[in-house]
N, C-alpha and C. Protein backbone atom coordinates (compact mmCIF):
# COMPACT_ATOMS: atom_id res chain seq x y z
N MET A 1 -17.15 -15.16 -74.85
CA MET A 1 -16.58 -16.48 -74.68
C MET A 1 -16.12 -16.97 -76.04
N GLY A 2 -14.97 -17.56 -76.07
CA GLY A 2 -14.44 -18.10 -77.30
C GLY A 2 -12.98 -18.47 -77.11
N TRP A 3 -12.33 -18.80 -78.20
CA TRP A 3 -10.92 -19.14 -78.15
C TRP A 3 -10.31 -18.96 -79.53
N HIS A 4 -8.98 -19.09 -79.58
CA HIS A 4 -8.28 -19.02 -80.86
C HIS A 4 -7.80 -20.41 -81.23
N ASP A 5 -8.10 -20.82 -82.45
CA ASP A 5 -7.66 -22.10 -82.98
C ASP A 5 -6.69 -21.81 -84.12
N ASP A 6 -5.58 -22.56 -84.17
CA ASP A 6 -4.58 -22.32 -85.22
C ASP A 6 -5.14 -22.47 -86.62
N GLU A 7 -6.07 -23.39 -86.82
CA GLU A 7 -6.64 -23.60 -88.15
C GLU A 7 -7.85 -22.71 -88.41
N LEU A 8 -8.71 -22.55 -87.43
CA LEU A 8 -9.97 -21.84 -87.61
C LEU A 8 -9.87 -20.35 -87.31
N GLY A 9 -8.83 -19.96 -86.60
CA GLY A 9 -8.75 -18.58 -86.14
C GLY A 9 -9.61 -18.38 -84.91
N ARG A 10 -10.18 -17.20 -84.77
CA ARG A 10 -11.03 -16.89 -83.61
C ARG A 10 -12.35 -17.63 -83.72
N VAL A 11 -12.68 -18.42 -82.70
CA VAL A 11 -13.95 -19.13 -82.62
C VAL A 11 -14.77 -18.45 -81.54
N CYS A 12 -15.86 -17.81 -81.94
CA CYS A 12 -16.67 -17.08 -80.97
C CYS A 12 -17.90 -17.89 -80.58
N ALA A 13 -18.55 -17.46 -79.51
CA ALA A 13 -19.70 -18.18 -78.97
C ALA A 13 -20.80 -18.37 -80.00
N ALA A 14 -21.02 -17.37 -80.85
CA ALA A 14 -22.08 -17.48 -81.86
C ALA A 14 -21.85 -18.66 -82.79
N GLU A 15 -20.61 -19.10 -82.92
CA GLU A 15 -20.30 -20.23 -83.79
C GLU A 15 -20.45 -21.58 -83.10
N PHE A 16 -20.05 -21.67 -81.83
CA PHE A 16 -20.06 -22.99 -81.21
C PHE A 16 -21.25 -23.26 -80.30
N ILE A 17 -21.94 -22.24 -79.81
CA ILE A 17 -23.08 -22.47 -78.92
C ILE A 17 -24.19 -23.26 -79.62
N PRO A 18 -24.58 -22.92 -80.87
CA PRO A 18 -25.60 -23.74 -81.52
C PRO A 18 -25.20 -25.21 -81.66
N ILE A 19 -23.93 -25.46 -81.92
CA ILE A 19 -23.45 -26.84 -82.04
C ILE A 19 -23.49 -27.51 -80.68
N ALA A 20 -23.06 -26.80 -79.66
CA ALA A 20 -23.10 -27.35 -78.30
C ALA A 20 -24.54 -27.68 -77.89
N GLY A 21 -25.47 -26.83 -78.28
CA GLY A 21 -26.88 -27.08 -77.98
C GLY A 21 -27.41 -28.31 -78.68
N SER A 22 -27.04 -28.47 -79.94
CA SER A 22 -27.57 -29.60 -80.71
C SER A 22 -26.97 -30.94 -80.29
N CYS A 23 -25.78 -30.94 -79.71
CA CYS A 23 -25.19 -32.22 -79.30
C CYS A 23 -25.24 -32.43 -77.79
N GLY A 24 -25.98 -31.59 -77.08
CA GLY A 24 -26.21 -31.83 -75.66
C GLY A 24 -25.11 -31.35 -74.72
N LEU A 25 -24.18 -30.55 -75.20
CA LEU A 25 -23.09 -30.07 -74.35
C LEU A 25 -23.39 -28.72 -73.70
N ILE A 26 -24.48 -28.08 -74.07
CA ILE A 26 -24.75 -26.73 -73.59
C ILE A 26 -24.91 -26.69 -72.07
N ASP A 27 -25.46 -27.75 -71.48
CA ASP A 27 -25.63 -27.76 -70.02
C ASP A 27 -24.28 -27.76 -69.31
N ALA A 28 -23.37 -28.61 -69.77
CA ALA A 28 -22.04 -28.67 -69.16
C ALA A 28 -21.30 -27.36 -69.36
N ILE A 29 -21.40 -26.78 -70.55
CA ILE A 29 -20.75 -25.49 -70.80
C ILE A 29 -21.36 -24.42 -69.91
N GLY A 30 -22.67 -24.42 -69.79
CA GLY A 30 -23.35 -23.44 -68.94
C GLY A 30 -22.90 -23.52 -67.49
N CYS A 31 -22.79 -24.73 -66.96
CA CYS A 31 -22.31 -24.91 -65.58
C CYS A 31 -20.87 -24.44 -65.44
N TRP A 32 -20.04 -24.75 -66.43
CA TRP A 32 -18.64 -24.33 -66.40
C TRP A 32 -18.54 -22.81 -66.42
N VAL A 33 -19.30 -22.17 -67.31
CA VAL A 33 -19.28 -20.71 -67.42
C VAL A 33 -19.73 -20.08 -66.10
N LEU A 34 -20.79 -20.59 -65.52
CA LEU A 34 -21.27 -20.07 -64.24
C LEU A 34 -20.19 -20.20 -63.16
N SER A 35 -19.56 -21.35 -63.10
CA SER A 35 -18.49 -21.57 -62.11
C SER A 35 -17.34 -20.59 -62.33
N GLN A 36 -16.93 -20.42 -63.58
CA GLN A 36 -15.83 -19.49 -63.89
C GLN A 36 -16.22 -18.06 -63.52
N ALA A 37 -17.44 -17.68 -63.85
CA ALA A 37 -17.90 -16.32 -63.54
C ALA A 37 -17.90 -16.07 -62.03
N LEU A 38 -18.35 -17.04 -61.28
CA LEU A 38 -18.34 -16.89 -59.81
C LEU A 38 -16.92 -16.83 -59.28
N GLY A 39 -16.00 -17.55 -59.90
CA GLY A 39 -14.59 -17.45 -59.52
C GLY A 39 -14.03 -16.07 -59.78
N VAL A 40 -14.41 -15.48 -60.90
CA VAL A 40 -13.98 -14.12 -61.23
C VAL A 40 -14.53 -13.13 -60.20
N VAL A 41 -15.79 -13.29 -59.84
CA VAL A 41 -16.39 -12.41 -58.83
C VAL A 41 -15.65 -12.54 -57.51
N ALA A 42 -15.32 -13.78 -57.13
CA ALA A 42 -14.59 -13.98 -55.88
C ALA A 42 -13.24 -13.27 -55.92
N THR A 43 -12.55 -13.35 -57.06
CA THR A 43 -11.27 -12.67 -57.23
C THR A 43 -11.45 -11.15 -57.13
N TRP A 44 -12.48 -10.64 -57.80
CA TRP A 44 -12.75 -9.20 -57.73
C TRP A 44 -13.01 -8.75 -56.30
N ARG A 45 -13.79 -9.54 -55.57
CA ARG A 45 -14.12 -9.16 -54.19
C ARG A 45 -12.88 -9.18 -53.30
N ARG A 46 -12.03 -10.18 -53.49
CA ARG A 46 -10.78 -10.22 -52.71
C ARG A 46 -9.89 -9.04 -53.03
N ALA A 47 -9.97 -8.53 -54.27
CA ALA A 47 -9.16 -7.37 -54.69
C ALA A 47 -9.80 -6.05 -54.24
N GLY A 48 -10.95 -6.13 -53.58
CA GLY A 48 -11.59 -4.93 -53.08
C GLY A 48 -12.62 -4.30 -54.01
N TRP A 49 -12.90 -4.93 -55.12
CA TRP A 49 -13.90 -4.41 -56.06
C TRP A 49 -15.28 -4.90 -55.63
N ARG A 50 -15.91 -4.16 -54.78
CA ARG A 50 -17.17 -4.59 -54.16
C ARG A 50 -18.41 -4.30 -55.01
N GLN A 51 -18.34 -3.31 -55.88
CA GLN A 51 -19.53 -2.88 -56.61
C GLN A 51 -19.63 -3.44 -58.03
N THR A 52 -18.74 -4.33 -58.42
CA THR A 52 -18.78 -4.87 -59.77
C THR A 52 -19.75 -6.04 -59.87
N ARG A 53 -20.31 -6.21 -61.07
CA ARG A 53 -21.25 -7.31 -61.34
C ARG A 53 -20.76 -8.07 -62.57
N ILE A 54 -21.15 -9.32 -62.65
CA ILE A 54 -20.83 -10.13 -63.83
C ILE A 54 -22.13 -10.75 -64.34
N SER A 55 -22.26 -10.81 -65.66
CA SER A 55 -23.45 -11.38 -66.29
C SER A 55 -23.12 -12.72 -66.92
N VAL A 56 -24.04 -13.64 -66.78
CA VAL A 56 -23.89 -14.97 -67.37
C VAL A 56 -25.15 -15.26 -68.18
N ASN A 57 -24.96 -15.63 -69.45
CA ASN A 57 -26.09 -16.01 -70.30
C ASN A 57 -26.62 -17.37 -69.90
N ILE A 58 -27.93 -17.49 -69.86
CA ILE A 58 -28.60 -18.74 -69.55
C ILE A 58 -29.39 -19.16 -70.78
N SER A 59 -29.19 -20.37 -71.25
CA SER A 59 -29.90 -20.84 -72.44
C SER A 59 -31.32 -21.28 -72.08
N ALA A 60 -32.18 -21.36 -73.09
CA ALA A 60 -33.55 -21.83 -72.89
C ALA A 60 -33.53 -23.26 -72.34
N ARG A 61 -32.62 -24.06 -72.82
CA ARG A 61 -32.51 -25.46 -72.35
C ARG A 61 -32.16 -25.51 -70.87
N GLN A 62 -31.17 -24.71 -70.45
CA GLN A 62 -30.79 -24.67 -69.03
C GLN A 62 -31.99 -24.23 -68.19
N PHE A 63 -32.66 -23.23 -68.68
CA PHE A 63 -33.79 -22.68 -67.94
C PHE A 63 -34.92 -23.70 -67.82
N ALA A 64 -35.20 -24.43 -68.88
CA ALA A 64 -36.31 -25.36 -68.91
C ALA A 64 -36.07 -26.59 -68.05
N GLN A 65 -34.83 -26.91 -67.74
CA GLN A 65 -34.55 -28.12 -66.98
C GLN A 65 -35.02 -28.04 -65.53
N GLY A 66 -35.22 -26.86 -65.04
CA GLY A 66 -35.79 -26.72 -63.71
C GLY A 66 -34.82 -26.74 -62.56
N ASP A 67 -33.55 -27.07 -62.78
CA ASP A 67 -32.59 -27.12 -61.67
C ASP A 67 -31.65 -25.92 -61.68
N LEU A 68 -32.00 -24.90 -62.44
CA LEU A 68 -31.14 -23.74 -62.57
C LEU A 68 -30.92 -23.05 -61.22
N VAL A 69 -31.97 -22.88 -60.45
CA VAL A 69 -31.84 -22.22 -59.15
C VAL A 69 -30.90 -23.01 -58.25
N ALA A 70 -31.07 -24.32 -58.22
CA ALA A 70 -30.19 -25.16 -57.39
C ALA A 70 -28.75 -25.08 -57.87
N THR A 71 -28.55 -25.05 -59.19
CA THR A 71 -27.20 -24.96 -59.75
C THR A 71 -26.55 -23.64 -59.36
N VAL A 72 -27.30 -22.54 -59.48
CA VAL A 72 -26.76 -21.22 -59.14
C VAL A 72 -26.46 -21.15 -57.64
N LEU A 73 -27.40 -21.60 -56.82
CA LEU A 73 -27.18 -21.56 -55.37
C LEU A 73 -25.99 -22.42 -54.96
N SER A 74 -25.85 -23.58 -55.57
CA SER A 74 -24.70 -24.45 -55.28
C SER A 74 -23.39 -23.77 -55.66
N GLY A 75 -23.37 -23.14 -56.82
CA GLY A 75 -22.17 -22.42 -57.26
C GLY A 75 -21.83 -21.27 -56.34
N LEU A 76 -22.85 -20.52 -55.92
CA LEU A 76 -22.63 -19.41 -54.99
C LEU A 76 -22.08 -19.92 -53.66
N LYS A 77 -22.66 -20.99 -53.16
CA LYS A 77 -22.23 -21.56 -51.88
C LYS A 77 -20.79 -22.06 -51.97
N ALA A 78 -20.45 -22.73 -53.07
CA ALA A 78 -19.10 -23.27 -53.25
C ALA A 78 -18.05 -22.17 -53.25
N ARG A 79 -18.42 -20.99 -53.74
CA ARG A 79 -17.48 -19.86 -53.80
C ARG A 79 -17.64 -18.91 -52.62
N GLY A 80 -18.56 -19.23 -51.71
CA GLY A 80 -18.77 -18.36 -50.56
C GLY A 80 -19.32 -17.00 -50.95
N ARG A 81 -20.18 -16.96 -51.94
CA ARG A 81 -20.71 -15.70 -52.49
C ARG A 81 -22.21 -15.62 -52.31
N THR A 82 -22.70 -14.40 -52.32
CA THR A 82 -24.13 -14.14 -52.43
C THR A 82 -24.39 -13.75 -53.88
N GLY A 83 -25.63 -13.65 -54.24
CA GLY A 83 -25.97 -13.38 -55.63
C GLY A 83 -25.93 -11.92 -56.04
N ASP A 84 -25.49 -11.03 -55.14
CA ASP A 84 -25.56 -9.60 -55.45
C ASP A 84 -24.67 -9.17 -56.61
N ALA A 85 -23.63 -9.93 -56.92
CA ALA A 85 -22.73 -9.56 -58.01
C ALA A 85 -22.99 -10.37 -59.27
N LEU A 86 -24.01 -11.21 -59.26
CA LEU A 86 -24.30 -12.09 -60.39
C LEU A 86 -25.60 -11.67 -61.06
N GLU A 87 -25.51 -11.49 -62.36
CA GLU A 87 -26.70 -11.19 -63.16
C GLU A 87 -26.87 -12.30 -64.18
N LEU A 88 -28.05 -12.91 -64.20
CA LEU A 88 -28.32 -13.98 -65.16
C LEU A 88 -29.06 -13.38 -66.35
N GLU A 89 -28.53 -13.63 -67.53
CA GLU A 89 -29.16 -13.15 -68.77
C GLU A 89 -29.88 -14.32 -69.41
N VAL A 90 -31.16 -14.16 -69.59
CA VAL A 90 -31.99 -15.22 -70.14
C VAL A 90 -32.21 -14.94 -71.63
N THR A 91 -32.01 -15.96 -72.46
CA THR A 91 -32.18 -15.78 -73.89
C THR A 91 -33.64 -15.47 -74.23
N GLU A 92 -33.83 -14.89 -75.40
CA GLU A 92 -35.17 -14.49 -75.80
C GLU A 92 -36.13 -15.67 -75.85
N SER A 93 -35.66 -16.82 -76.32
CA SER A 93 -36.57 -17.97 -76.41
C SER A 93 -37.03 -18.42 -75.02
N ALA A 94 -36.13 -18.42 -74.06
CA ALA A 94 -36.53 -18.77 -72.70
C ALA A 94 -37.44 -17.71 -72.11
N LEU A 95 -37.17 -16.46 -72.44
CA LEU A 95 -37.98 -15.36 -71.93
C LEU A 95 -39.40 -15.46 -72.46
N VAL A 96 -39.54 -15.68 -73.75
CA VAL A 96 -40.87 -15.76 -74.36
C VAL A 96 -41.66 -16.91 -73.76
N GLU A 97 -41.00 -18.03 -73.55
CA GLU A 97 -41.68 -19.21 -73.01
C GLU A 97 -42.03 -19.07 -71.53
N ASN A 98 -41.26 -18.26 -70.79
CA ASN A 98 -41.37 -18.28 -69.33
C ASN A 98 -41.49 -16.91 -68.67
N LEU A 99 -41.75 -15.84 -69.43
CA LEU A 99 -41.72 -14.49 -68.88
C LEU A 99 -42.62 -14.33 -67.66
N HIS A 100 -43.78 -14.92 -67.72
CA HIS A 100 -44.74 -14.75 -66.62
C HIS A 100 -44.28 -15.41 -65.32
N ASN A 101 -43.28 -16.27 -65.36
CA ASN A 101 -42.79 -16.96 -64.16
C ASN A 101 -41.48 -16.40 -63.61
N LEU A 102 -40.94 -15.37 -64.25
CA LEU A 102 -39.60 -14.90 -63.90
C LEU A 102 -39.60 -13.58 -63.14
N PRO A 103 -38.65 -13.43 -62.20
CA PRO A 103 -38.44 -12.12 -61.57
C PRO A 103 -37.48 -11.30 -62.45
N VAL A 104 -37.95 -10.86 -63.60
CA VAL A 104 -37.12 -10.18 -64.60
C VAL A 104 -37.16 -8.68 -64.36
N ASP A 105 -35.98 -8.00 -64.51
CA ASP A 105 -35.97 -6.54 -64.40
C ASP A 105 -35.36 -5.85 -65.61
N THR A 106 -34.71 -6.61 -66.51
CA THR A 106 -34.08 -6.02 -67.69
C THR A 106 -34.19 -6.98 -68.87
N VAL A 107 -34.46 -6.40 -70.05
CA VAL A 107 -34.45 -7.17 -71.31
C VAL A 107 -33.22 -6.73 -72.10
N LYS A 108 -32.43 -7.69 -72.56
CA LYS A 108 -31.24 -7.39 -73.35
C LYS A 108 -31.50 -7.70 -74.81
N ILE A 109 -31.16 -6.77 -75.68
CA ILE A 109 -31.28 -6.98 -77.12
C ILE A 109 -29.97 -7.58 -77.61
N GLU A 110 -30.06 -8.74 -78.26
CA GLU A 110 -28.86 -9.45 -78.70
C GLU A 110 -28.05 -8.66 -79.72
N ARG A 111 -26.77 -8.96 -79.73
CA ARG A 111 -25.80 -8.31 -80.62
C ARG A 111 -26.23 -8.37 -82.08
N GLY A 112 -26.77 -9.50 -82.53
CA GLY A 112 -27.18 -9.65 -83.93
C GLY A 112 -28.19 -8.61 -84.36
N PHE A 113 -29.14 -8.29 -83.49
CA PHE A 113 -30.12 -7.25 -83.79
C PHE A 113 -29.45 -5.88 -83.85
N VAL A 114 -28.58 -5.63 -82.89
CA VAL A 114 -27.91 -4.33 -82.80
C VAL A 114 -27.02 -4.11 -84.03
N GLN A 115 -26.32 -5.14 -84.46
CA GLN A 115 -25.43 -5.01 -85.61
C GLN A 115 -26.18 -4.70 -86.90
N ARG A 116 -27.43 -5.13 -86.99
CA ARG A 116 -28.20 -4.89 -88.21
C ARG A 116 -28.95 -3.55 -88.20
N LEU A 117 -28.80 -2.77 -87.13
CA LEU A 117 -29.55 -1.52 -87.03
C LEU A 117 -29.32 -0.58 -88.21
N GLY A 118 -28.10 -0.41 -88.66
CA GLY A 118 -27.82 0.50 -89.76
C GLY A 118 -28.08 -0.10 -91.13
N GLN A 119 -28.37 -1.39 -91.18
CA GLN A 119 -28.50 -2.08 -92.45
C GLN A 119 -29.94 -2.34 -92.86
N SER A 120 -30.85 -2.31 -91.90
CA SER A 120 -32.21 -2.72 -92.20
C SER A 120 -33.21 -1.94 -91.36
N SER A 121 -34.23 -1.43 -92.01
CA SER A 121 -35.26 -0.70 -91.25
C SER A 121 -36.05 -1.64 -90.37
N SER A 122 -36.17 -2.91 -90.78
CA SER A 122 -36.91 -3.87 -89.95
C SER A 122 -36.17 -4.14 -88.64
N ALA A 123 -34.83 -4.13 -88.68
CA ALA A 123 -34.05 -4.32 -87.44
C ALA A 123 -34.33 -3.18 -86.48
N GLY A 124 -34.40 -1.97 -87.01
CA GLY A 124 -34.71 -0.81 -86.17
C GLY A 124 -36.10 -0.90 -85.56
N ARG A 125 -37.06 -1.33 -86.36
CA ARG A 125 -38.43 -1.48 -85.86
C ARG A 125 -38.50 -2.57 -84.79
N LEU A 126 -37.76 -3.66 -85.01
CA LEU A 126 -37.76 -4.74 -84.04
C LEU A 126 -37.15 -4.30 -82.72
N CYS A 127 -36.02 -3.60 -82.78
CA CYS A 127 -35.40 -3.09 -81.55
C CYS A 127 -36.33 -2.11 -80.84
N THR A 128 -36.98 -1.25 -81.59
CA THR A 128 -37.94 -0.30 -81.01
C THR A 128 -39.08 -1.06 -80.32
N ALA A 129 -39.56 -2.11 -80.95
CA ALA A 129 -40.64 -2.91 -80.37
C ALA A 129 -40.20 -3.60 -79.09
N ILE A 130 -38.97 -4.13 -79.09
CA ILE A 130 -38.46 -4.80 -77.88
C ILE A 130 -38.35 -3.81 -76.73
N ILE A 131 -37.83 -2.63 -77.03
CA ILE A 131 -37.70 -1.59 -76.00
C ILE A 131 -39.07 -1.17 -75.50
N ALA A 132 -40.02 -0.99 -76.42
CA ALA A 132 -41.38 -0.61 -76.03
C ALA A 132 -42.01 -1.68 -75.15
N MET A 133 -41.84 -2.96 -75.53
CA MET A 133 -42.37 -4.05 -74.74
C MET A 133 -41.76 -4.03 -73.33
N ALA A 134 -40.45 -3.86 -73.26
CA ALA A 134 -39.79 -3.82 -71.96
C ALA A 134 -40.35 -2.69 -71.10
N HIS A 135 -40.50 -1.52 -71.69
CA HIS A 135 -41.01 -0.38 -70.92
C HIS A 135 -42.47 -0.59 -70.50
N LEU A 136 -43.28 -1.19 -71.37
CA LEU A 136 -44.67 -1.48 -70.99
C LEU A 136 -44.75 -2.44 -69.81
N LEU A 137 -43.76 -3.31 -69.71
CA LEU A 137 -43.71 -4.27 -68.61
C LEU A 137 -42.91 -3.73 -67.42
N HIS A 138 -42.55 -2.44 -67.48
CA HIS A 138 -41.77 -1.78 -66.43
C HIS A 138 -40.41 -2.44 -66.23
N LEU A 139 -39.79 -2.83 -67.35
CA LEU A 139 -38.47 -3.45 -67.34
C LEU A 139 -37.48 -2.50 -67.99
N GLY A 140 -36.22 -2.65 -67.63
CA GLY A 140 -35.16 -1.90 -68.31
C GLY A 140 -34.84 -2.60 -69.64
N ALA A 141 -34.16 -1.90 -70.51
CA ALA A 141 -33.74 -2.48 -71.79
C ALA A 141 -32.29 -2.08 -72.04
N VAL A 142 -31.45 -3.06 -72.41
CA VAL A 142 -30.05 -2.80 -72.75
C VAL A 142 -29.75 -3.50 -74.06
N ALA A 143 -28.76 -2.98 -74.78
CA ALA A 143 -28.33 -3.58 -76.05
C ALA A 143 -26.95 -4.17 -75.88
N GLU A 144 -26.74 -5.36 -76.42
CA GLU A 144 -25.44 -6.02 -76.37
C GLU A 144 -24.56 -5.43 -77.47
N ALA A 145 -23.37 -4.99 -77.09
CA ALA A 145 -22.46 -4.37 -78.07
C ALA A 145 -21.64 -5.41 -78.78
């Protein structure tokens, strides 16, 4: 997620998400992203792409508010979709705070960790630990490219 600005150049999510979180816009952005993702899935399904999935990142703030399930179900209903093509990605902070309450099947390692793999031995150890934790909990592990 991002855009191109004539003055700033490419503005990526890593740059604006922290700002959106600090000024209270992350919830509105999260709802918009979910709606857009469900629209994309609807388009894919109409085009005959039945086996494709789309992932949407969920922030700790969205998760903690407690209405996430209702928001997702409302979005699915509005688009006439079931949840089979939607994958929700929960941030590490939300995962740590709420892991015992979630029906989680995969842990994703963020891009920042992956990018530092060749630069730091501690990054490698951290990724190894995350993968080991996921496997101990019988979860899958994926890395964000």
